[in-house]
mmCIF file of all heavy atoms, coordinates in Angstrom:
data_MODEL
# 
_entry.id   MODEL 
# 
loop_
_atom_site.group_PDB 
_atom_site.id 
_atom_site.type_symbol 
_atom_site.label_atom_id 
_atom_site.label_alt_id 
_atom_site.label_comp_id 
_atom_site.label_asym_id 
_atom_site.label_entity_id 
_atom_site.label_seq_id 
_atom_site.pdbx_PDB_ins_code 
_atom_site.Cartn_x 
_atom_site.Cartn_y 
_atom_site.Cartn_z 
_atom_site.occupancy 
_atom_site.B_iso_or_equiv 
_atom_site.pdbx_formal_charge 
_atom_site.auth_seq_id 
_atom_site.auth_comp_id 
_atom_site.auth_asym_id 
_atom_site.auth_atom_id 
_atom_site.pdbx_PDB_model_num 
ATOM 1   N N   . ARG A 1 1  ? 8.769   -52.471 -29.594 1.00 0.00 ? 1  ARG A N   1 
ATOM 2   C CA  . ARG A 1 1  ? 10.129  -52.453 -29.256 1.00 0.00 ? 1  ARG A CA  1 
ATOM 3   C C   . ARG A 1 1  ? 10.952  -51.325 -30.154 1.00 0.00 ? 1  ARG A C   1 
ATOM 4   O O   . ARG A 1 1  ? 11.802  -50.608 -29.537 1.00 0.00 ? 1  ARG A O   1 
ATOM 5   C CB  . ARG A 1 1  ? 10.857  -53.859 -29.577 1.00 0.00 ? 1  ARG A CB  1 
ATOM 6   C CG  . ARG A 1 1  ? 10.209  -54.913 -28.747 1.00 0.00 ? 1  ARG A CG  1 
ATOM 7   C CD  . ARG A 1 1  ? 10.662  -54.859 -27.281 1.00 0.00 ? 1  ARG A CD  1 
ATOM 8   N NE  . ARG A 1 1  ? 10.150  -55.955 -26.577 1.00 0.00 ? 1  ARG A NE  1 
ATOM 9   C CZ  . ARG A 1 1  ? 8.889   -56.099 -25.949 1.00 0.00 ? 1  ARG A CZ  1 
ATOM 10  N NH1 . ARG A 1 1  ? 8.143   -55.073 -26.131 1.00 0.00 ? 1  ARG A NH1 1 
ATOM 11  N NH2 . ARG A 1 1  ? 8.577   -57.103 -25.244 1.00 0.00 ? 1  ARG A NH2 1 
ATOM 12  N N   . THR A 1 2  ? 10.638  -51.203 -31.457 1.00 0.00 ? 2  THR A N   1 
ATOM 13  C CA  . THR A 1 2  ? 11.399  -50.264 -32.231 1.00 0.00 ? 2  THR A CA  1 
ATOM 14  C C   . THR A 1 2  ? 10.510  -49.037 -32.394 1.00 0.00 ? 2  THR A C   1 
ATOM 15  O O   . THR A 1 2  ? 9.652   -48.887 -33.164 1.00 0.00 ? 2  THR A O   1 
ATOM 16  C CB  . THR A 1 2  ? 11.515  -50.951 -33.538 1.00 0.00 ? 2  THR A CB  1 
ATOM 17  O OG1 . THR A 1 2  ? 11.969  -52.303 -33.377 1.00 0.00 ? 2  THR A OG1 1 
ATOM 18  C CG2 . THR A 1 2  ? 12.484  -50.177 -34.438 1.00 0.00 ? 2  THR A CG2 1 
ATOM 19  N N   . ARG A 1 3  ? 11.012  -47.914 -31.623 1.00 0.00 ? 3  ARG A N   1 
ATOM 20  C CA  . ARG A 1 3  ? 10.467  -46.621 -31.683 1.00 0.00 ? 3  ARG A CA  1 
ATOM 21  C C   . ARG A 1 3  ? 10.847  -46.020 -32.960 1.00 0.00 ? 3  ARG A C   1 
ATOM 22  O O   . ARG A 1 3  ? 12.083  -45.942 -33.252 1.00 0.00 ? 3  ARG A O   1 
ATOM 23  C CB  . ARG A 1 3  ? 10.836  -45.810 -30.465 1.00 0.00 ? 3  ARG A CB  1 
ATOM 24  C CG  . ARG A 1 3  ? 10.516  -46.564 -29.060 1.00 0.00 ? 3  ARG A CG  1 
ATOM 25  C CD  . ARG A 1 3  ? 9.014   -46.642 -28.960 1.00 0.00 ? 3  ARG A CD  1 
ATOM 26  N NE  . ARG A 1 3  ? 8.748   -47.655 -27.804 1.00 0.00 ? 3  ARG A NE  1 
ATOM 27  C CZ  . ARG A 1 3  ? 7.476   -47.849 -27.393 1.00 0.00 ? 3  ARG A CZ  1 
ATOM 28  N NH1 . ARG A 1 3  ? 6.457   -47.407 -28.021 1.00 0.00 ? 3  ARG A NH1 1 
ATOM 29  N NH2 . ARG A 1 3  ? 7.273   -48.697 -26.421 1.00 0.00 ? 3  ARG A NH2 1 
ATOM 30  N N   . ILE A 1 4  ? 9.855   -45.346 -33.674 1.00 0.00 ? 4  ILE A N   1 
ATOM 31  C CA  . ILE A 1 4  ? 10.163  -44.750 -34.916 1.00 0.00 ? 4  ILE A CA  1 
ATOM 32  C C   . ILE A 1 4  ? 9.729   -43.231 -34.918 1.00 0.00 ? 4  ILE A C   1 
ATOM 33  O O   . ILE A 1 4  ? 10.437  -42.417 -35.588 1.00 0.00 ? 4  ILE A O   1 
ATOM 34  C CB  . ILE A 1 4  ? 9.602   -45.374 -36.085 1.00 0.00 ? 4  ILE A CB  1 
ATOM 35  C CG1 . ILE A 1 4  ? 8.137   -45.639 -35.934 1.00 0.00 ? 4  ILE A CG1 1 
ATOM 36  C CG2 . ILE A 1 4  ? 10.190  -46.761 -36.475 1.00 0.00 ? 4  ILE A CG2 1 
ATOM 37  C CD1 . ILE A 1 4  ? 7.395   -46.198 -37.162 1.00 0.00 ? 4  ILE A CD1 1 
ATOM 38  N N   . TYR A 1 5  ? 8.691   -42.829 -34.246 1.00 0.00 ? 5  TYR A N   1 
ATOM 39  C CA  . TYR A 1 5  ? 8.336   -41.489 -34.262 1.00 0.00 ? 5  TYR A CA  1 
ATOM 40  C C   . TYR A 1 5  ? 7.199   -41.229 -33.120 1.00 0.00 ? 5  TYR A C   1 
ATOM 41  O O   . TYR A 1 5  ? 6.441   -42.092 -32.909 1.00 0.00 ? 5  TYR A O   1 
ATOM 42  C CB  . TYR A 1 5  ? 7.699   -41.020 -35.626 1.00 0.00 ? 5  TYR A CB  1 
ATOM 43  C CG  . TYR A 1 5  ? 7.472   -39.626 -35.886 1.00 0.00 ? 5  TYR A CG  1 
ATOM 44  C CD1 . TYR A 1 5  ? 8.558   -38.721 -36.060 1.00 0.00 ? 5  TYR A CD1 1 
ATOM 45  C CD2 . TYR A 1 5  ? 6.190   -39.036 -35.788 1.00 0.00 ? 5  TYR A CD2 1 
ATOM 46  C CE1 . TYR A 1 5  ? 8.332   -37.416 -36.378 1.00 0.00 ? 5  TYR A CE1 1 
ATOM 47  C CE2 . TYR A 1 5  ? 5.997   -37.677 -35.977 1.00 0.00 ? 5  TYR A CE2 1 
ATOM 48  C CZ  . TYR A 1 5  ? 7.138   -36.858 -36.209 1.00 0.00 ? 5  TYR A CZ  1 
ATOM 49  O OH  . TYR A 1 5  ? 6.897   -35.529 -36.468 1.00 0.00 ? 5  TYR A OH  1 
ATOM 50  N N   . ASN A 1 6  ? 7.322   -40.042 -32.573 1.00 0.00 ? 6  ASN A N   1 
ATOM 51  C CA  . ASN A 1 6  ? 6.385   -39.832 -31.522 1.00 0.00 ? 6  ASN A CA  1 
ATOM 52  C C   . ASN A 1 6  ? 6.244   -40.790 -30.428 1.00 0.00 ? 6  ASN A C   1 
ATOM 53  O O   . ASN A 1 6  ? 5.225   -41.036 -29.842 1.00 0.00 ? 6  ASN A O   1 
ATOM 54  C CB  . ASN A 1 6  ? 5.057   -39.557 -32.080 1.00 0.00 ? 6  ASN A CB  1 
ATOM 55  C CG  . ASN A 1 6  ? 4.854   -38.098 -32.749 1.00 0.00 ? 6  ASN A CG  1 
ATOM 56  O OD1 . ASN A 1 6  ? 5.666   -37.262 -32.443 1.00 0.00 ? 6  ASN A OD1 1 
ATOM 57  N ND2 . ASN A 1 6  ? 3.856   -37.873 -33.554 1.00 0.00 ? 6  ASN A ND2 1 
ATOM 58  N N   . HIS A 1 7  ? 7.385   -41.500 -30.081 1.00 0.00 ? 7  HIS A N   1 
ATOM 59  C CA  . HIS A 1 7  ? 7.397   -42.548 -29.068 1.00 0.00 ? 7  HIS A CA  1 
ATOM 60  C C   . HIS A 1 7  ? 6.654   -43.806 -29.493 1.00 0.00 ? 7  HIS A C   1 
ATOM 61  O O   . HIS A 1 7  ? 6.251   -44.593 -28.695 1.00 0.00 ? 7  HIS A O   1 
ATOM 62  C CB  . HIS A 1 7  ? 6.987   -42.096 -27.780 1.00 0.00 ? 7  HIS A CB  1 
ATOM 63  C CG  . HIS A 1 7  ? 7.704   -40.908 -27.224 1.00 0.00 ? 7  HIS A CG  1 
ATOM 64  N ND1 . HIS A 1 7  ? 9.018   -40.947 -26.898 1.00 0.00 ? 7  HIS A ND1 1 
ATOM 65  C CD2 . HIS A 1 7  ? 7.379   -39.622 -27.139 1.00 0.00 ? 7  HIS A CD2 1 
ATOM 66  C CE1 . HIS A 1 7  ? 9.425   -39.723 -26.595 1.00 0.00 ? 7  HIS A CE1 1 
ATOM 67  N NE2 . HIS A 1 7  ? 8.509   -38.869 -26.660 1.00 0.00 ? 7  HIS A NE2 1 
ATOM 68  N N   . LYS A 1 8  ? 6.192   -43.764 -30.799 1.00 0.00 ? 8  LYS A N   1 
ATOM 69  C CA  . LYS A 1 8  ? 5.303   -44.998 -31.307 1.00 0.00 ? 8  LYS A CA  1 
ATOM 70  C C   . LYS A 1 8  ? 6.283   -45.940 -31.999 1.00 0.00 ? 8  LYS A C   1 
ATOM 71  O O   . LYS A 1 8  ? 7.358   -45.610 -32.585 1.00 0.00 ? 8  LYS A O   1 
ATOM 72  C CB  . LYS A 1 8  ? 4.363   -44.451 -32.243 1.00 0.00 ? 8  LYS A CB  1 
ATOM 73  C CG  . LYS A 1 8  ? 3.327   -43.461 -31.601 1.00 0.00 ? 8  LYS A CG  1 
ATOM 74  C CD  . LYS A 1 8  ? 2.267   -42.955 -32.535 1.00 0.00 ? 8  LYS A CD  1 
ATOM 75  C CE  . LYS A 1 8  ? 1.397   -41.962 -31.837 1.00 0.00 ? 8  LYS A CE  1 
ATOM 76  N NZ  . LYS A 1 8  ? 0.411   -41.437 -32.756 1.00 0.00 ? 8  LYS A NZ  1 
ATOM 77  N N   . SER A 1 9  ? 5.859   -47.211 -31.948 1.00 0.00 ? 9  SER A N   1 
ATOM 78  C CA  . SER A 1 9  ? 6.696   -48.297 -32.469 1.00 0.00 ? 9  SER A CA  1 
ATOM 79  C C   . SER A 1 9  ? 6.283   -48.720 -33.815 1.00 0.00 ? 9  SER A C   1 
ATOM 80  O O   . SER A 1 9  ? 5.092   -48.710 -34.219 1.00 0.00 ? 9  SER A O   1 
ATOM 81  C CB  . SER A 1 9  ? 6.706   -49.464 -31.528 1.00 0.00 ? 9  SER A CB  1 
ATOM 82  O OG  . SER A 1 9  ? 5.450   -50.195 -31.425 1.00 0.00 ? 9  SER A OG  1 
ATOM 83  N N   . ILE A 1 10 ? 7.242   -49.303 -34.612 1.00 0.00 ? 10 ILE A N   1 
ATOM 84  C CA  . ILE A 1 10 ? 6.834   -49.966 -35.927 1.00 0.00 ? 10 ILE A CA  1 
ATOM 85  C C   . ILE A 1 10 ? 6.003   -51.151 -35.694 1.00 0.00 ? 10 ILE A C   1 
ATOM 86  O O   . ILE A 1 10 ? 5.117   -51.373 -36.568 1.00 0.00 ? 10 ILE A O   1 
ATOM 87  C CB  . ILE A 1 10 ? 8.208   -50.234 -36.706 1.00 0.00 ? 10 ILE A CB  1 
ATOM 88  C CG1 . ILE A 1 10 ? 7.923   -50.763 -38.119 1.00 0.00 ? 10 ILE A CG1 1 
ATOM 89  C CG2 . ILE A 1 10 ? 9.018   -51.362 -35.921 1.00 0.00 ? 10 ILE A CG2 1 
ATOM 90  C CD1 . ILE A 1 10 ? 7.285   -49.632 -38.889 1.00 0.00 ? 10 ILE A CD1 1 
ATOM 91  N N   . GLU A 1 11 ? 6.174   -51.880 -34.714 1.00 0.00 ? 11 GLU A N   1 
ATOM 92  C CA  . GLU A 1 11 ? 5.264   -53.051 -34.495 1.00 0.00 ? 11 GLU A CA  1 
ATOM 93  C C   . GLU A 1 11 ? 3.876   -52.627 -34.356 1.00 0.00 ? 11 GLU A C   1 
ATOM 94  O O   . GLU A 1 11 ? 2.951   -53.280 -34.881 1.00 0.00 ? 11 GLU A O   1 
ATOM 95  C CB  . GLU A 1 11 ? 5.739   -53.756 -33.214 1.00 0.00 ? 11 GLU A CB  1 
ATOM 96  C CG  . GLU A 1 11 ? 7.229   -54.458 -33.354 1.00 0.00 ? 11 GLU A CG  1 
ATOM 97  C CD  . GLU A 1 11 ? 8.315   -53.444 -33.039 1.00 0.00 ? 11 GLU A CD  1 
ATOM 98  O OE1 . GLU A 1 11 ? 8.001   -52.284 -32.704 1.00 0.00 ? 11 GLU A OE1 1 
ATOM 99  O OE2 . GLU A 1 11 ? 9.513   -53.937 -32.926 1.00 0.00 ? 11 GLU A OE2 1 
ATOM 100 N N   . ALA A 1 12 ? 3.617   -51.640 -33.674 1.00 0.00 ? 12 ALA A N   1 
ATOM 101 C CA  . ALA A 1 12 ? 2.228   -51.111 -33.364 1.00 0.00 ? 12 ALA A CA  1 
ATOM 102 C C   . ALA A 1 12 ? 1.671   -50.593 -34.698 1.00 0.00 ? 12 ALA A C   1 
ATOM 103 O O   . ALA A 1 12 ? 0.536   -50.986 -34.882 1.00 0.00 ? 12 ALA A O   1 
ATOM 104 C CB  . ALA A 1 12 ? 2.198   -50.129 -32.202 1.00 0.00 ? 12 ALA A CB  1 
ATOM 105 N N   . THR A 1 13 ? 2.350   -49.752 -35.329 1.00 0.00 ? 13 THR A N   1 
ATOM 106 C CA  . THR A 1 13 ? 1.884   -49.238 -36.545 1.00 0.00 ? 13 THR A CA  1 
ATOM 107 C C   . THR A 1 13 ? 1.527   -50.304 -37.625 1.00 0.00 ? 13 THR A C   1 
ATOM 108 O O   . THR A 1 13 ? 0.473   -50.215 -38.213 1.00 0.00 ? 13 THR A O   1 
ATOM 109 C CB  . THR A 1 13 ? 2.958   -48.232 -37.173 1.00 0.00 ? 13 THR A CB  1 
ATOM 110 O OG1 . THR A 1 13 ? 3.127   -47.181 -36.276 1.00 0.00 ? 13 THR A OG1 1 
ATOM 111 C CG2 . THR A 1 13 ? 2.489   -47.644 -38.505 1.00 0.00 ? 13 THR A CG2 1 
ATOM 112 N N   . LEU A 1 14 ? 2.371   -51.213 -37.795 1.00 0.00 ? 14 LEU A N   1 
ATOM 113 C CA  . LEU A 1 14 ? 2.139   -52.395 -38.788 1.00 0.00 ? 14 LEU A CA  1 
ATOM 114 C C   . LEU A 1 14 ? 0.984   -53.233 -38.344 1.00 0.00 ? 14 LEU A C   1 
ATOM 115 O O   . LEU A 1 14 ? 0.177   -53.575 -39.149 1.00 0.00 ? 14 LEU A O   1 
ATOM 116 C CB  . LEU A 1 14 ? 3.451   -53.206 -38.859 1.00 0.00 ? 14 LEU A CB  1 
ATOM 117 C CG  . LEU A 1 14 ? 4.622   -52.593 -39.688 1.00 0.00 ? 14 LEU A CG  1 
ATOM 118 C CD1 . LEU A 1 14 ? 5.830   -53.549 -39.601 1.00 0.00 ? 14 LEU A CD1 1 
ATOM 119 C CD2 . LEU A 1 14 ? 4.240   -52.123 -41.062 1.00 0.00 ? 14 LEU A CD2 1 
ATOM 120 N N   . ALA A 1 15 ? 0.820   -53.466 -37.028 1.00 0.00 ? 15 ALA A N   1 
ATOM 121 C CA  . ALA A 1 15 ? -0.320  -54.257 -36.588 1.00 0.00 ? 15 ALA A CA  1 
ATOM 122 C C   . ALA A 1 15 ? -1.587  -53.513 -36.741 1.00 0.00 ? 15 ALA A C   1 
ATOM 123 O O   . ALA A 1 15 ? -2.611  -54.100 -37.240 1.00 0.00 ? 15 ALA A O   1 
ATOM 124 C CB  . ALA A 1 15 ? -0.048  -54.573 -35.083 1.00 0.00 ? 15 ALA A CB  1 
ATOM 125 N N   . GLY A 1 16 ? -1.604  -52.142 -36.594 1.00 0.00 ? 16 GLY A N   1 
ATOM 126 C CA  . GLY A 1 16 ? -2.828  -51.289 -36.703 1.00 0.00 ? 16 GLY A CA  1 
ATOM 127 C C   . GLY A 1 16 ? -3.167  -51.414 -38.282 1.00 0.00 ? 16 GLY A C   1 
ATOM 128 O O   . GLY A 1 16 ? -4.320  -51.564 -38.569 1.00 0.00 ? 16 GLY A O   1 
ATOM 129 N N   . PHE A 1 17 ? -2.062  -51.161 -39.154 1.00 0.00 ? 17 PHE A N   1 
ATOM 130 C CA  . PHE A 1 17 ? -2.309  -51.225 -40.540 1.00 0.00 ? 17 PHE A CA  1 
ATOM 131 C C   . PHE A 1 17 ? -3.007  -52.589 -41.069 1.00 0.00 ? 17 PHE A C   1 
ATOM 132 O O   . PHE A 1 17 ? -3.921  -52.591 -41.759 1.00 0.00 ? 17 PHE A O   1 
ATOM 133 C CB  . PHE A 1 17 ? -1.083  -51.034 -41.272 1.00 0.00 ? 17 PHE A CB  1 
ATOM 134 C CG  . PHE A 1 17 ? -1.023  -51.274 -42.797 1.00 0.00 ? 17 PHE A CG  1 
ATOM 135 C CD1 . PHE A 1 17 ? -1.726  -50.556 -43.606 1.00 0.00 ? 17 PHE A CD1 1 
ATOM 136 C CD2 . PHE A 1 17 ? -0.356  -52.282 -43.222 1.00 0.00 ? 17 PHE A CD2 1 
ATOM 137 C CE1 . PHE A 1 17 ? -1.808  -50.904 -45.037 1.00 0.00 ? 17 PHE A CE1 1 
ATOM 138 C CE2 . PHE A 1 17 ? -0.371  -52.687 -44.568 1.00 0.00 ? 17 PHE A CE2 1 
ATOM 139 C CZ  . PHE A 1 17 ? -1.074  -51.913 -45.448 1.00 0.00 ? 17 PHE A CZ  1 
ATOM 140 N N   . ALA A 1 18 ? -2.395  -53.671 -40.527 1.00 0.00 ? 18 ALA A N   1 
ATOM 141 C CA  . ALA A 1 18 ? -2.747  -54.966 -40.954 1.00 0.00 ? 18 ALA A CA  1 
ATOM 142 C C   . ALA A 1 18 ? -4.182  -55.323 -40.475 1.00 0.00 ? 18 ALA A C   1 
ATOM 143 O O   . ALA A 1 18 ? -5.078  -55.811 -41.339 1.00 0.00 ? 18 ALA A O   1 
ATOM 144 C CB  . ALA A 1 18 ? -1.812  -56.068 -40.413 1.00 0.00 ? 18 ALA A CB  1 
ATOM 145 N N   . THR A 1 19 ? -4.501  -55.030 -39.276 1.00 0.00 ? 19 THR A N   1 
ATOM 146 C CA  . THR A 1 19 ? -5.731  -55.254 -38.732 1.00 0.00 ? 19 THR A CA  1 
ATOM 147 C C   . THR A 1 19 ? -6.910  -54.313 -39.476 1.00 0.00 ? 19 THR A C   1 
ATOM 148 O O   . THR A 1 19 ? -7.968  -54.902 -39.822 1.00 0.00 ? 19 THR A O   1 
ATOM 149 C CB  . THR A 1 19 ? -5.818  -55.005 -37.227 1.00 0.00 ? 19 THR A CB  1 
ATOM 150 O OG1 . THR A 1 19 ? -4.954  -55.776 -36.555 1.00 0.00 ? 19 THR A OG1 1 
ATOM 151 C CG2 . THR A 1 19 ? -7.200  -55.259 -36.712 1.00 0.00 ? 19 THR A CG2 1 
ATOM 152 N N   . THR A 1 20 ? -6.580  -53.155 -39.605 1.00 0.00 ? 20 THR A N   1 
ATOM 153 C CA  . THR A 1 20 ? -7.589  -52.306 -40.377 1.00 0.00 ? 20 THR A CA  1 
ATOM 154 C C   . THR A 1 20 ? -7.805  -52.795 -41.761 1.00 0.00 ? 20 THR A C   1 
ATOM 155 O O   . THR A 1 20 ? -8.868  -52.632 -42.276 1.00 0.00 ? 20 THR A O   1 
ATOM 156 C CB  . THR A 1 20 ? -6.998  -50.871 -40.232 1.00 0.00 ? 20 THR A CB  1 
ATOM 157 O OG1 . THR A 1 20 ? -6.727  -50.477 -38.788 1.00 0.00 ? 20 THR A OG1 1 
ATOM 158 C CG2 . THR A 1 20 ? -8.019  -49.910 -40.836 1.00 0.00 ? 20 THR A CG2 1 
ATOM 159 N N   . SER A 1 21 ? -6.753  -53.007 -42.401 1.00 0.00 ? 21 SER A N   1 
ATOM 160 C CA  . SER A 1 21 ? -6.725  -53.485 -43.834 1.00 0.00 ? 21 SER A CA  1 
ATOM 161 C C   . SER A 1 21 ? -7.738  -54.785 -43.867 1.00 0.00 ? 21 SER A C   1 
ATOM 162 O O   . SER A 1 21 ? -8.626  -54.902 -44.783 1.00 0.00 ? 21 SER A O   1 
ATOM 163 C CB  . SER A 1 21 ? -5.431  -53.757 -44.415 1.00 0.00 ? 21 SER A CB  1 
ATOM 164 O OG  . SER A 1 21 ? -4.576  -52.663 -44.486 1.00 0.00 ? 21 SER A OG  1 
ATOM 165 N N   . ALA A 1 22 ? -7.475  -55.710 -43.077 1.00 0.00 ? 22 ALA A N   1 
ATOM 166 C CA  . ALA A 1 22 ? -8.271  -56.970 -42.991 1.00 0.00 ? 22 ALA A CA  1 
ATOM 167 C C   . ALA A 1 22 ? -9.792  -56.681 -42.844 1.00 0.00 ? 22 ALA A C   1 
ATOM 168 O O   . ALA A 1 22 ? -10.611 -57.307 -43.378 1.00 0.00 ? 22 ALA A O   1 
ATOM 169 C CB  . ALA A 1 22 ? -7.706  -57.842 -41.965 1.00 0.00 ? 22 ALA A CB  1 
ATOM 170 N N   . ALA A 1 23 ? -9.999  -55.752 -41.848 1.00 0.00 ? 23 ALA A N   1 
ATOM 171 C CA  . ALA A 1 23 ? -11.399 -55.419 -41.545 1.00 0.00 ? 23 ALA A CA  1 
ATOM 172 C C   . ALA A 1 23 ? -12.060 -54.630 -42.757 1.00 0.00 ? 23 ALA A C   1 
ATOM 173 O O   . ALA A 1 23 ? -13.199 -55.002 -43.236 1.00 0.00 ? 23 ALA A O   1 
ATOM 174 C CB  . ALA A 1 23 ? -11.500 -54.452 -40.340 1.00 0.00 ? 23 ALA A CB  1 
ATOM 175 N N   . LEU A 1 24 ? -11.406 -53.774 -43.425 1.00 0.00 ? 24 LEU A N   1 
ATOM 176 C CA  . LEU A 1 24 ? -11.851 -53.034 -44.529 1.00 0.00 ? 24 LEU A CA  1 
ATOM 177 C C   . LEU A 1 24 ? -12.128 -53.902 -45.808 1.00 0.00 ? 24 LEU A C   1 
ATOM 178 O O   . LEU A 1 24 ? -12.903 -53.489 -46.553 1.00 0.00 ? 24 LEU A O   1 
ATOM 179 C CB  . LEU A 1 24 ? -10.948 -51.888 -44.895 1.00 0.00 ? 24 LEU A CB  1 
ATOM 180 C CG  . LEU A 1 24 ? -10.918 -50.681 -43.901 1.00 0.00 ? 24 LEU A CG  1 
ATOM 181 C CD1 . LEU A 1 24 ? -10.104 -49.552 -44.400 1.00 0.00 ? 24 LEU A CD1 1 
ATOM 182 C CD2 . LEU A 1 24 ? -12.319 -50.257 -43.500 1.00 0.00 ? 24 LEU A CD2 1 
ATOM 183 N N   . LEU A 1 25 ? -11.411 -55.052 -45.812 1.00 0.00 ? 25 LEU A N   1 
ATOM 184 C CA  . LEU A 1 25 ? -11.702 -55.896 -46.973 1.00 0.00 ? 25 LEU A CA  1 
ATOM 185 C C   . LEU A 1 25 ? -13.147 -56.420 -47.080 1.00 0.00 ? 25 LEU A C   1 
ATOM 186 O O   . LEU A 1 25 ? -13.607 -56.818 -48.181 1.00 0.00 ? 25 LEU A O   1 
ATOM 187 C CB  . LEU A 1 25 ? -10.715 -57.077 -46.917 1.00 0.00 ? 25 LEU A CB  1 
ATOM 188 C CG  . LEU A 1 25 ? -9.233  -56.919 -47.234 1.00 0.00 ? 25 LEU A CG  1 
ATOM 189 C CD1 . LEU A 1 25 ? -8.463  -58.198 -46.953 1.00 0.00 ? 25 LEU A CD1 1 
ATOM 190 C CD2 . LEU A 1 25 ? -9.068  -56.357 -48.565 1.00 0.00 ? 25 LEU A CD2 1 
ATOM 191 N N   . PHE A 1 26 ? -13.810 -56.355 -45.921 1.00 0.00 ? 26 PHE A N   1 
ATOM 192 C CA  . PHE A 1 26 ? -15.186 -56.753 -45.979 1.00 0.00 ? 26 PHE A CA  1 
ATOM 193 C C   . PHE A 1 26 ? -16.241 -55.616 -46.246 1.00 0.00 ? 26 PHE A C   1 
ATOM 194 O O   . PHE A 1 26 ? -17.478 -55.699 -46.474 1.00 0.00 ? 26 PHE A O   1 
ATOM 195 C CB  . PHE A 1 26 ? -15.617 -57.208 -44.545 1.00 0.00 ? 26 PHE A CB  1 
ATOM 196 C CG  . PHE A 1 26 ? -15.050 -58.528 -44.173 1.00 0.00 ? 26 PHE A CG  1 
ATOM 197 C CD1 . PHE A 1 26 ? -13.782 -58.510 -43.318 1.00 0.00 ? 26 PHE A CD1 1 
ATOM 198 C CD2 . PHE A 1 26 ? -15.457 -59.730 -44.558 1.00 0.00 ? 26 PHE A CD2 1 
ATOM 199 C CE1 . PHE A 1 26 ? -13.124 -59.674 -43.071 1.00 0.00 ? 26 PHE A CE1 1 
ATOM 200 C CE2 . PHE A 1 26 ? -14.835 -60.935 -44.249 1.00 0.00 ? 26 PHE A CE2 1 
ATOM 201 C CZ  . PHE A 1 26 ? -13.633 -60.944 -43.423 1.00 0.00 ? 26 PHE A CZ  1 
ATOM 202 N N   . LEU A 1 27 ? -15.669 -54.365 -46.512 1.00 0.00 ? 27 LEU A N   1 
ATOM 203 C CA  . LEU A 1 27 ? -16.355 -53.194 -46.720 1.00 0.00 ? 27 LEU A CA  1 
ATOM 204 C C   . LEU A 1 27 ? -16.160 -52.495 -47.974 1.00 0.00 ? 27 LEU A C   1 
ATOM 205 O O   . LEU A 1 27 ? -17.087 -51.961 -48.659 1.00 0.00 ? 27 LEU A O   1 
ATOM 206 C CB  . LEU A 1 27 ? -16.221 -52.120 -45.631 1.00 0.00 ? 27 LEU A CB  1 
ATOM 207 C CG  . LEU A 1 27 ? -16.490 -52.695 -44.152 1.00 0.00 ? 27 LEU A CG  1 
ATOM 208 C CD1 . LEU A 1 27 ? -16.169 -51.594 -43.132 1.00 0.00 ? 27 LEU A CD1 1 
ATOM 209 C CD2 . LEU A 1 27 ? -17.832 -53.020 -43.972 1.00 0.00 ? 27 LEU A CD2 1 
ATOM 210 N N   . ILE A 1 28 ? -14.907 -52.489 -48.450 1.00 0.00 ? 28 ILE A N   1 
ATOM 211 C CA  . ILE A 1 28 ? -14.508 -51.878 -49.656 1.00 0.00 ? 28 ILE A CA  1 
ATOM 212 C C   . ILE A 1 28 ? -13.588 -52.833 -50.465 1.00 0.00 ? 28 ILE A C   1 
ATOM 213 O O   . ILE A 1 28 ? -13.047 -53.741 -49.961 1.00 0.00 ? 28 ILE A O   1 
ATOM 214 C CB  . ILE A 1 28 ? -13.859 -50.456 -49.520 1.00 0.00 ? 28 ILE A CB  1 
ATOM 215 C CG1 . ILE A 1 28 ? -12.731 -50.652 -48.430 1.00 0.00 ? 28 ILE A CG1 1 
ATOM 216 C CG2 . ILE A 1 28 ? -14.822 -49.547 -48.833 1.00 0.00 ? 28 ILE A CG2 1 
ATOM 217 C CD1 . ILE A 1 28 ? -12.014 -49.252 -48.196 1.00 0.00 ? 28 ILE A CD1 1 
# 
């Protein structure tokens, strides 16, 4: 809903960050 840059949203960026962080916790 909230576009911040390059037509991308803060919701999508935060979701990507959270998911990736959670997955990487099992690796590093």
